[in-house]
Amino acid sequence: MGKKNVHGIRENLGFLLAKASQRWNELLYEGFCRANYPDVRPAYGSILIPLFEEDGLQMGELARRARLSKQTMTTLIKAMEQKGLVVRRRDPEDARAFRIYLTDRSRRFKAVAEEVLKELDERVKAQLTPKQVSVLKNSLKALLNLSR
């Protein structure tokens, strides 16, 4: 009976999503290491991707686009500052706010991230049909907006 319950848990959507995400991040990190960026964690993508799209975002707007809490955001920004990936500057228009900017190092990393992501996309496309990829993308987008 216990084994049946464990199997049921392993088939749970949340478990599968978490494990797939974990594996994806492992593969991302391996790619970053091969490109000589072992200190860049996959979690930094939540910050870097919005900044690659628009540099110099206010912390609050960056948190919204990254879908991160203020506390998580602050922790990630501090770690990324220490690694020379971002800099925090006071907003010239609002002295209470900070804006986050990419560094030259993180701008160079953008090409690495794009190449590693492209490689992973190709690996997925080798495993799934085009229709499965499309359904997967649409499903994941829908889950991003799952209501409470």
N, C-alpha and C. Protein backbone atom coordinates (compact mmCIF):
# COMPACT_ATOMS: atom_id res chain seq x y z
N MET A 1 0.82 -1.20 0.00
CA MET A 1 0.00 0.00 0.00
C MET A 1 0.86 1.26 0.00
N GLY A 2 1.94 1.26 0.76
CA GLY A 2 2.82 2.43 0.82
C GLY A 2 3.46 2.74 -0.51
N LYS A 3 3.85 1.69 -1.24
CA LYS A 3 4.47 1.90 -2.55
C LYS A 3 3.50 2.55 -3.53
N LYS A 4 2.24 2.15 -3.45
CA LYS A 4 1.24 2.72 -4.34
C LYS A 4 1.08 4.22 -4.09
N ASN A 5 1.09 4.62 -2.82
CA ASN A 5 0.99 6.04 -2.48
C ASN A 5 2.19 6.82 -3.00
N VAL A 6 3.38 6.26 -2.87
CA VAL A 6 4.59 6.93 -3.35
C VAL A 6 4.49 7.11 -4.86
N HIS A 7 4.03 6.08 -5.56
CA HIS A 7 3.88 6.19 -7.02
C HIS A 7 2.90 7.31 -7.36
N GLY A 8 1.80 7.39 -6.60
CA GLY A 8 0.82 8.45 -6.83
C GLY A 8 1.43 9.83 -6.64
N ILE A 9 2.27 9.97 -5.64
CA ILE A 9 2.94 11.26 -5.39
C ILE A 9 3.89 11.58 -6.54
N ARG A 10 4.59 10.57 -7.02
CA ARG A 10 5.54 10.80 -8.12
C ARG A 10 4.84 11.17 -9.42
N GLU A 11 3.57 10.88 -9.53
CA GLU A 11 2.78 11.24 -10.70
C GLU A 11 2.05 12.57 -10.51
N ASN A 12 2.18 13.16 -9.33
CA ASN A 12 1.54 14.44 -9.04
C ASN A 12 2.12 15.53 -9.93
N LEU A 13 1.26 16.37 -10.48
CA LEU A 13 1.70 17.44 -11.39
C LEU A 13 2.76 18.34 -10.74
N GLY A 14 2.52 18.73 -9.51
CA GLY A 14 3.46 19.61 -8.83
C GLY A 14 4.83 18.98 -8.68
N PHE A 15 4.85 17.71 -8.31
CA PHE A 15 6.12 16.98 -8.17
C PHE A 15 6.83 16.92 -9.51
N LEU A 16 6.08 16.56 -10.57
CA LEU A 16 6.69 16.46 -11.90
C LEU A 16 7.22 17.81 -12.39
N LEU A 17 6.45 18.87 -12.16
CA LEU A 17 6.91 20.21 -12.55
C LEU A 17 8.18 20.60 -11.79
N ALA A 18 8.18 20.33 -10.49
CA ALA A 18 9.35 20.68 -9.67
C ALA A 18 10.58 19.90 -10.12
N LYS A 19 10.42 18.62 -10.38
CA LYS A 19 11.56 17.79 -10.79
C LYS A 19 12.02 18.15 -12.20
N ALA A 20 11.08 18.45 -13.10
CA ALA A 20 11.47 18.89 -14.45
C ALA A 20 12.22 20.21 -14.38
N SER A 21 11.74 21.12 -13.54
CA SER A 21 12.41 22.41 -13.37
C SER A 21 13.81 22.22 -12.77
N GLN A 22 13.90 21.33 -11.80
CA GLN A 22 15.20 21.04 -11.19
C GLN A 22 16.17 20.50 -12.24
N ARG A 23 15.72 19.57 -13.06
CA ARG A 23 16.59 19.00 -14.10
C ARG A 23 16.99 20.06 -15.13
N TRP A 24 16.03 20.90 -15.51
CA TRP A 24 16.32 21.98 -16.45
C TRP A 24 17.42 22.88 -15.89
N ASN A 25 17.30 23.23 -14.62
CA ASN A 25 18.30 24.10 -13.99
C ASN A 25 19.66 23.42 -13.89
N GLU A 26 19.67 22.11 -13.66
CA GLU A 26 20.95 21.38 -13.65
C GLU A 26 21.61 21.47 -15.02
N LEU A 27 20.83 21.27 -16.07
CA LEU A 27 21.37 21.34 -17.43
C LEU A 27 21.83 22.76 -17.78
N LEU A 28 21.06 23.75 -17.35
CA LEU A 28 21.49 25.15 -17.56
C LEU A 28 22.83 25.40 -16.89
N TYR A 29 22.93 24.99 -15.63
CA TYR A 29 24.16 25.23 -14.87
C TYR A 29 25.36 24.53 -15.51
N GLU A 30 25.14 23.30 -15.99
CA GLU A 30 26.23 22.60 -16.68
C GLU A 30 26.70 23.40 -17.89
N GLY A 31 25.76 23.95 -18.63
CA GLY A 31 26.11 24.78 -19.79
C GLY A 31 26.86 26.04 -19.39
N PHE A 32 26.43 26.66 -18.31
CA PHE A 32 27.11 27.88 -17.83
C PHE A 32 28.54 27.54 -17.41
N CYS A 33 28.72 26.40 -16.75
CA CYS A 33 30.06 25.99 -16.33
C CYS A 33 30.96 25.74 -17.53
N ARG A 34 30.42 25.07 -18.55
CA ARG A 34 31.21 24.81 -19.77
C ARG A 34 31.66 26.12 -20.42
N ALA A 35 30.86 27.17 -20.25
CA ALA A 35 31.17 28.48 -20.85
C ALA A 35 31.96 29.37 -19.90
N ASN A 36 32.46 28.79 -18.81
CA ASN A 36 33.29 29.51 -17.83
C ASN A 36 32.52 30.56 -17.03
N TYR A 37 31.27 30.27 -16.72
CA TYR A 37 30.45 31.10 -15.83
C TYR A 37 29.89 30.24 -14.70
N PRO A 38 30.78 29.56 -13.93
CA PRO A 38 30.29 28.66 -12.88
C PRO A 38 29.62 29.38 -11.71
N ASP A 39 29.82 30.66 -11.60
CA ASP A 39 29.21 31.39 -10.47
C ASP A 39 27.83 31.95 -10.82
N VAL A 40 27.37 31.75 -12.06
CA VAL A 40 26.04 32.22 -12.45
C VAL A 40 25.05 31.08 -12.23
N ARG A 41 24.15 31.29 -11.32
CA ARG A 41 23.13 30.29 -10.98
C ARG A 41 21.91 30.47 -11.89
N PRO A 42 21.25 29.37 -12.24
CA PRO A 42 20.03 29.48 -13.07
C PRO A 42 18.98 30.40 -12.46
N ALA A 43 18.90 30.47 -11.15
CA ALA A 43 17.92 31.35 -10.50
C ALA A 43 18.13 32.82 -10.87
N TYR A 44 19.33 33.19 -11.26
CA TYR A 44 19.60 34.57 -11.63
C TYR A 44 18.86 34.96 -12.91
N GLY A 45 18.42 33.98 -13.66
CA GLY A 45 17.68 34.25 -14.89
C GLY A 45 16.41 35.05 -14.64
N SER A 46 15.81 34.85 -13.46
CA SER A 46 14.60 35.62 -13.13
C SER A 46 14.87 37.12 -13.13
N ILE A 47 16.10 37.49 -12.81
CA ILE A 47 16.51 38.90 -12.78
C ILE A 47 17.10 39.31 -14.13
N LEU A 48 17.97 38.46 -14.66
CA LEU A 48 18.69 38.83 -15.88
C LEU A 48 17.78 38.97 -17.10
N ILE A 49 16.83 38.06 -17.26
CA ILE A 49 16.00 38.10 -18.46
C ILE A 49 15.22 39.42 -18.56
N PRO A 50 14.54 39.87 -17.50
CA PRO A 50 13.87 41.18 -17.62
C PRO A 50 14.86 42.33 -17.89
N LEU A 51 16.07 42.23 -17.31
CA LEU A 51 17.06 43.29 -17.54
C LEU A 51 17.65 43.22 -18.94
N PHE A 52 17.76 42.01 -19.50
CA PHE A 52 18.19 41.90 -20.90
C PHE A 52 17.18 42.58 -21.81
N GLU A 53 15.90 42.51 -21.43
CA GLU A 53 14.83 43.13 -22.22
C GLU A 53 14.79 44.65 -22.02
N GLU A 54 15.05 45.10 -20.77
CA GLU A 54 15.03 46.53 -20.46
C GLU A 54 15.92 46.78 -19.25
N ASP A 55 17.08 47.31 -19.49
CA ASP A 55 18.05 47.57 -18.42
C ASP A 55 17.61 48.78 -17.59
N GLY A 56 18.01 48.79 -16.32
CA GLY A 56 17.76 49.93 -15.46
C GLY A 56 16.36 49.98 -14.88
N LEU A 57 15.75 48.83 -14.66
CA LEU A 57 14.41 48.79 -14.08
C LEU A 57 14.45 49.12 -12.59
N GLN A 58 13.39 49.75 -12.11
CA GLN A 58 13.25 49.95 -10.66
C GLN A 58 13.06 48.59 -10.02
N MET A 59 13.52 48.48 -8.76
CA MET A 59 13.41 47.20 -8.04
C MET A 59 11.99 46.67 -8.05
N GLY A 60 11.00 47.51 -7.78
CA GLY A 60 9.62 47.06 -7.72
C GLY A 60 9.13 46.52 -9.05
N GLU A 61 9.45 47.20 -10.13
CA GLU A 61 9.05 46.75 -11.46
C GLU A 61 9.79 45.47 -11.84
N LEU A 62 11.05 45.39 -11.48
CA LEU A 62 11.82 44.18 -11.75
C LEU A 62 11.23 42.99 -10.99
N ALA A 63 10.85 43.20 -9.73
CA ALA A 63 10.22 42.14 -8.94
C ALA A 63 8.91 41.68 -9.59
N ARG A 64 8.13 42.63 -10.09
CA ARG A 64 6.87 42.28 -10.74
C ARG A 64 7.12 41.45 -11.99
N ARG A 65 8.05 41.90 -12.83
CA ARG A 65 8.33 41.17 -14.07
C ARG A 65 8.96 39.81 -13.80
N ALA A 66 9.75 39.73 -12.74
CA ALA A 66 10.41 38.47 -12.38
C ALA A 66 9.48 37.54 -11.60
N ARG A 67 8.34 38.09 -11.16
CA ARG A 67 7.38 37.34 -10.35
C ARG A 67 8.04 36.83 -9.06
N LEU A 68 8.77 37.74 -8.40
CA LEU A 68 9.46 37.40 -7.17
C LEU A 68 8.99 38.31 -6.04
N SER A 69 9.04 37.78 -4.82
CA SER A 69 8.72 38.59 -3.66
C SER A 69 9.85 39.60 -3.43
N LYS A 70 9.55 40.64 -2.67
CA LYS A 70 10.55 41.66 -2.38
C LYS A 70 11.76 41.05 -1.66
N GLN A 71 11.48 40.14 -0.72
CA GLN A 71 12.55 39.51 0.04
C GLN A 71 13.45 38.66 -0.86
N THR A 72 12.85 37.84 -1.71
CA THR A 72 13.63 37.01 -2.63
C THR A 72 14.43 37.89 -3.58
N MET A 73 13.78 38.93 -4.06
CA MET A 73 14.41 39.87 -4.98
C MET A 73 15.66 40.49 -4.35
N THR A 74 15.52 40.98 -3.13
CA THR A 74 16.64 41.61 -2.42
C THR A 74 17.79 40.62 -2.25
N THR A 75 17.48 39.39 -1.88
CA THR A 75 18.51 38.36 -1.68
C THR A 75 19.25 38.08 -2.99
N LEU A 76 18.51 37.92 -4.08
CA LEU A 76 19.14 37.65 -5.37
C LEU A 76 19.98 38.82 -5.85
N ILE A 77 19.47 40.02 -5.70
CA ILE A 77 20.22 41.21 -6.15
C ILE A 77 21.53 41.32 -5.39
N LYS A 78 21.51 41.11 -4.08
CA LYS A 78 22.75 41.17 -3.28
C LYS A 78 23.76 40.15 -3.78
N ALA A 79 23.31 38.92 -4.01
CA ALA A 79 24.22 37.87 -4.49
C ALA A 79 24.78 38.23 -5.87
N MET A 80 23.93 38.77 -6.72
CA MET A 80 24.36 39.11 -8.07
C MET A 80 25.30 40.31 -8.08
N GLU A 81 25.10 41.24 -7.14
CA GLU A 81 26.03 42.37 -7.02
C GLU A 81 27.41 41.86 -6.62
N GLN A 82 27.44 40.93 -5.68
CA GLN A 82 28.72 40.38 -5.22
C GLN A 82 29.47 39.66 -6.34
N LYS A 83 28.73 39.12 -7.29
CA LYS A 83 29.35 38.40 -8.41
C LYS A 83 29.60 39.31 -9.62
N GLY A 84 29.31 40.60 -9.46
CA GLY A 84 29.58 41.55 -10.53
C GLY A 84 28.64 41.45 -11.72
N LEU A 85 27.41 40.98 -11.47
CA LEU A 85 26.44 40.83 -12.56
C LEU A 85 25.49 42.01 -12.69
N VAL A 86 25.22 42.69 -11.58
CA VAL A 86 24.34 43.85 -11.58
C VAL A 86 24.88 44.91 -10.63
N VAL A 87 24.44 46.14 -10.85
CA VAL A 87 24.72 47.23 -9.91
C VAL A 87 23.39 47.88 -9.56
N ARG A 88 23.33 48.34 -8.33
CA ARG A 88 22.12 49.01 -7.83
C ARG A 88 22.47 50.49 -7.67
N ARG A 89 21.63 51.33 -8.25
CA ARG A 89 21.84 52.79 -8.14
C ARG A 89 20.53 53.45 -7.74
N ARG A 90 20.65 54.54 -6.99
CA ARG A 90 19.45 55.31 -6.64
C ARG A 90 18.79 55.83 -7.90
N ASP A 91 17.48 55.82 -7.88
CA ASP A 91 16.72 56.34 -9.01
C ASP A 91 16.82 57.86 -8.97
N PRO A 92 17.32 58.50 -10.04
CA PRO A 92 17.46 59.96 -10.03
C PRO A 92 16.12 60.69 -9.93
N GLU A 93 15.03 60.00 -10.28
CA GLU A 93 13.71 60.62 -10.23
C GLU A 93 12.96 60.33 -8.93
N ASP A 94 13.44 59.37 -8.15
CA ASP A 94 12.80 58.99 -6.90
C ASP A 94 13.88 58.49 -5.95
N ALA A 95 14.35 59.35 -5.06
CA ALA A 95 15.47 59.04 -4.18
C ALA A 95 15.20 57.85 -3.26
N ARG A 96 13.94 57.48 -3.07
CA ARG A 96 13.61 56.33 -2.23
C ARG A 96 13.79 55.01 -2.97
N ALA A 97 13.82 55.05 -4.28
CA ALA A 97 13.84 53.83 -5.09
C ALA A 97 15.24 53.57 -5.65
N PHE A 98 15.45 52.30 -6.02
CA PHE A 98 16.69 51.90 -6.67
C PHE A 98 16.37 51.35 -8.05
N ARG A 99 17.32 51.53 -8.95
CA ARG A 99 17.25 50.92 -10.27
C ARG A 99 18.39 49.91 -10.36
N ILE A 100 18.13 48.83 -11.09
CA ILE A 100 19.11 47.76 -11.23
C ILE A 100 19.62 47.76 -12.68
N TYR A 101 20.94 47.73 -12.81
CA TYR A 101 21.57 47.79 -14.12
C TYR A 101 22.49 46.59 -14.33
N LEU A 102 22.55 46.13 -15.56
CA LEU A 102 23.49 45.10 -15.95
C LEU A 102 24.90 45.66 -15.92
N THR A 103 25.86 44.79 -15.69
CA THR A 103 27.27 45.17 -15.79
C THR A 103 27.80 44.69 -17.14
N ASP A 104 29.01 45.08 -17.48
CA ASP A 104 29.62 44.59 -18.72
C ASP A 104 29.70 43.06 -18.69
N ARG A 105 29.98 42.51 -17.53
CA ARG A 105 30.08 41.05 -17.39
C ARG A 105 28.76 40.37 -17.71
N SER A 106 27.66 40.89 -17.18
CA SER A 106 26.37 40.25 -17.44
C SER A 106 25.93 40.47 -18.89
N ARG A 107 26.35 41.58 -19.49
CA ARG A 107 26.04 41.79 -20.90
C ARG A 107 26.77 40.76 -21.76
N ARG A 108 28.01 40.44 -21.39
CA ARG A 108 28.75 39.39 -22.11
C ARG A 108 28.10 38.02 -21.88
N PHE A 109 27.57 37.81 -20.69
CA PHE A 109 26.93 36.54 -20.35
C PHE A 109 25.66 36.30 -21.17
N LYS A 110 25.01 37.36 -21.62
CA LYS A 110 23.75 37.22 -22.37
C LYS A 110 23.92 36.26 -23.54
N ALA A 111 24.98 36.38 -24.29
CA ALA A 111 25.20 35.50 -25.44
C ALA A 111 25.38 34.05 -24.98
N VAL A 112 26.03 33.85 -23.86
CA VAL A 112 26.21 32.50 -23.31
C VAL A 112 24.84 31.92 -22.94
N ALA A 113 24.03 32.70 -22.23
CA ALA A 113 22.71 32.23 -21.82
C ALA A 113 21.86 31.88 -23.04
N GLU A 114 21.90 32.74 -24.04
CA GLU A 114 21.12 32.47 -25.25
C GLU A 114 21.56 31.17 -25.92
N GLU A 115 22.86 30.94 -25.97
CA GLU A 115 23.39 29.73 -26.60
C GLU A 115 23.01 28.48 -25.80
N VAL A 116 23.14 28.53 -24.49
CA VAL A 116 22.79 27.38 -23.65
C VAL A 116 21.28 27.10 -23.75
N LEU A 117 20.46 28.14 -23.71
CA LEU A 117 19.01 27.95 -23.84
C LEU A 117 18.64 27.37 -25.20
N LYS A 118 19.31 27.83 -26.24
CA LYS A 118 19.06 27.31 -27.58
C LYS A 118 19.39 25.82 -27.63
N GLU A 119 20.51 25.46 -27.04
CA GLU A 119 20.94 24.06 -27.00
C GLU A 119 19.90 23.20 -26.26
N LEU A 120 19.40 23.70 -25.14
CA LEU A 120 18.39 22.96 -24.39
C LEU A 120 17.08 22.86 -25.15
N ASP A 121 16.70 23.93 -25.82
CA ASP A 121 15.49 23.89 -26.65
C ASP A 121 15.62 22.80 -27.73
N GLU A 122 16.80 22.70 -28.33
CA GLU A 122 17.03 21.69 -29.36
C GLU A 122 16.95 20.29 -28.78
N ARG A 123 17.42 20.12 -27.55
CA ARG A 123 17.33 18.81 -26.90
C ARG A 123 15.87 18.45 -26.64
N VAL A 124 15.07 19.42 -26.25
CA VAL A 124 13.64 19.17 -26.02
C VAL A 124 12.97 18.81 -27.35
N LYS A 125 13.29 19.56 -28.39
CA LYS A 125 12.67 19.31 -29.70
C LYS A 125 13.08 17.95 -30.27
N ALA A 126 14.21 17.42 -29.83
CA ALA A 126 14.63 16.08 -30.25
C ALA A 126 13.82 15.00 -29.53
N GLN A 127 13.23 15.35 -28.39
CA GLN A 127 12.45 14.39 -27.60
C GLN A 127 10.95 14.47 -27.87
N LEU A 128 10.47 15.66 -28.26
CA LEU A 128 9.04 15.89 -28.42
C LEU A 128 8.72 16.30 -29.85
N THR A 129 7.48 16.05 -30.26
CA THR A 129 7.03 16.50 -31.58
C THR A 129 6.79 18.01 -31.51
N PRO A 130 6.75 18.68 -32.66
CA PRO A 130 6.43 20.12 -32.64
C PRO A 130 5.10 20.42 -31.93
N LYS A 131 4.11 19.57 -32.14
CA LYS A 131 2.82 19.77 -31.47
C LYS A 131 2.96 19.64 -29.95
N GLN A 132 3.73 18.66 -29.48
CA GLN A 132 3.95 18.50 -28.05
C GLN A 132 4.67 19.71 -27.45
N VAL A 133 5.63 20.24 -28.19
CA VAL A 133 6.35 21.44 -27.72
C VAL A 133 5.38 22.60 -27.60
N SER A 134 4.55 22.78 -28.60
CA SER A 134 3.57 23.87 -28.58
C SER A 134 2.60 23.72 -27.41
N VAL A 135 2.09 22.51 -27.21
CA VAL A 135 1.16 22.26 -26.09
C VAL A 135 1.87 22.50 -24.76
N LEU A 136 3.10 22.05 -24.65
CA LEU A 136 3.86 22.24 -23.41
C LEU A 136 4.04 23.73 -23.11
N LYS A 137 4.46 24.50 -24.11
CA LYS A 137 4.64 25.94 -23.91
C LYS A 137 3.34 26.61 -23.49
N ASN A 138 2.27 26.31 -24.18
CA ASN A 138 0.98 26.91 -23.83
C ASN A 138 0.52 26.49 -22.44
N SER A 139 0.76 25.25 -22.10
CA SER A 139 0.38 24.76 -20.77
C SER A 139 1.18 25.46 -19.67
N LEU A 140 2.46 25.60 -19.88
CA LEU A 140 3.30 26.28 -18.88
C LEU A 140 2.90 27.75 -18.73
N LYS A 141 2.60 28.41 -19.83
CA LYS A 141 2.13 29.80 -19.77
C LYS A 141 0.84 29.89 -18.98
N ALA A 142 -0.06 28.94 -19.18
CA ALA A 142 -1.33 28.94 -18.43
C ALA A 142 -1.06 28.73 -16.94
N LEU A 143 -0.11 27.86 -16.61
CA LEU A 143 0.20 27.62 -15.20
C LEU A 143 0.83 28.83 -14.53
N LEU A 144 1.55 29.65 -15.30
CA LEU A 144 2.11 30.87 -14.74
C LEU A 144 1.02 31.79 -14.19
N ASN A 145 -0.16 31.69 -14.75
CA ASN A 145 -1.27 32.55 -14.35
C ASN A 145 -2.34 31.80 -13.57
N LEU A 146 -1.96 30.67 -13.00
CA LEU A 146 -2.91 29.88 -12.22
C LEU A 146 -3.44 30.71 -11.05
N SER A 147 -4.76 30.79 -10.96
CA SER A 147 -5.34 31.61 -9.90
C SER A 147 -5.43 30.82 -8.59
N ARG A 148 -5.58 31.57 -7.53
CA ARG A 148 -5.65 30.96 -6.19
C ARG A 148 -6.96 30.31 -5.94
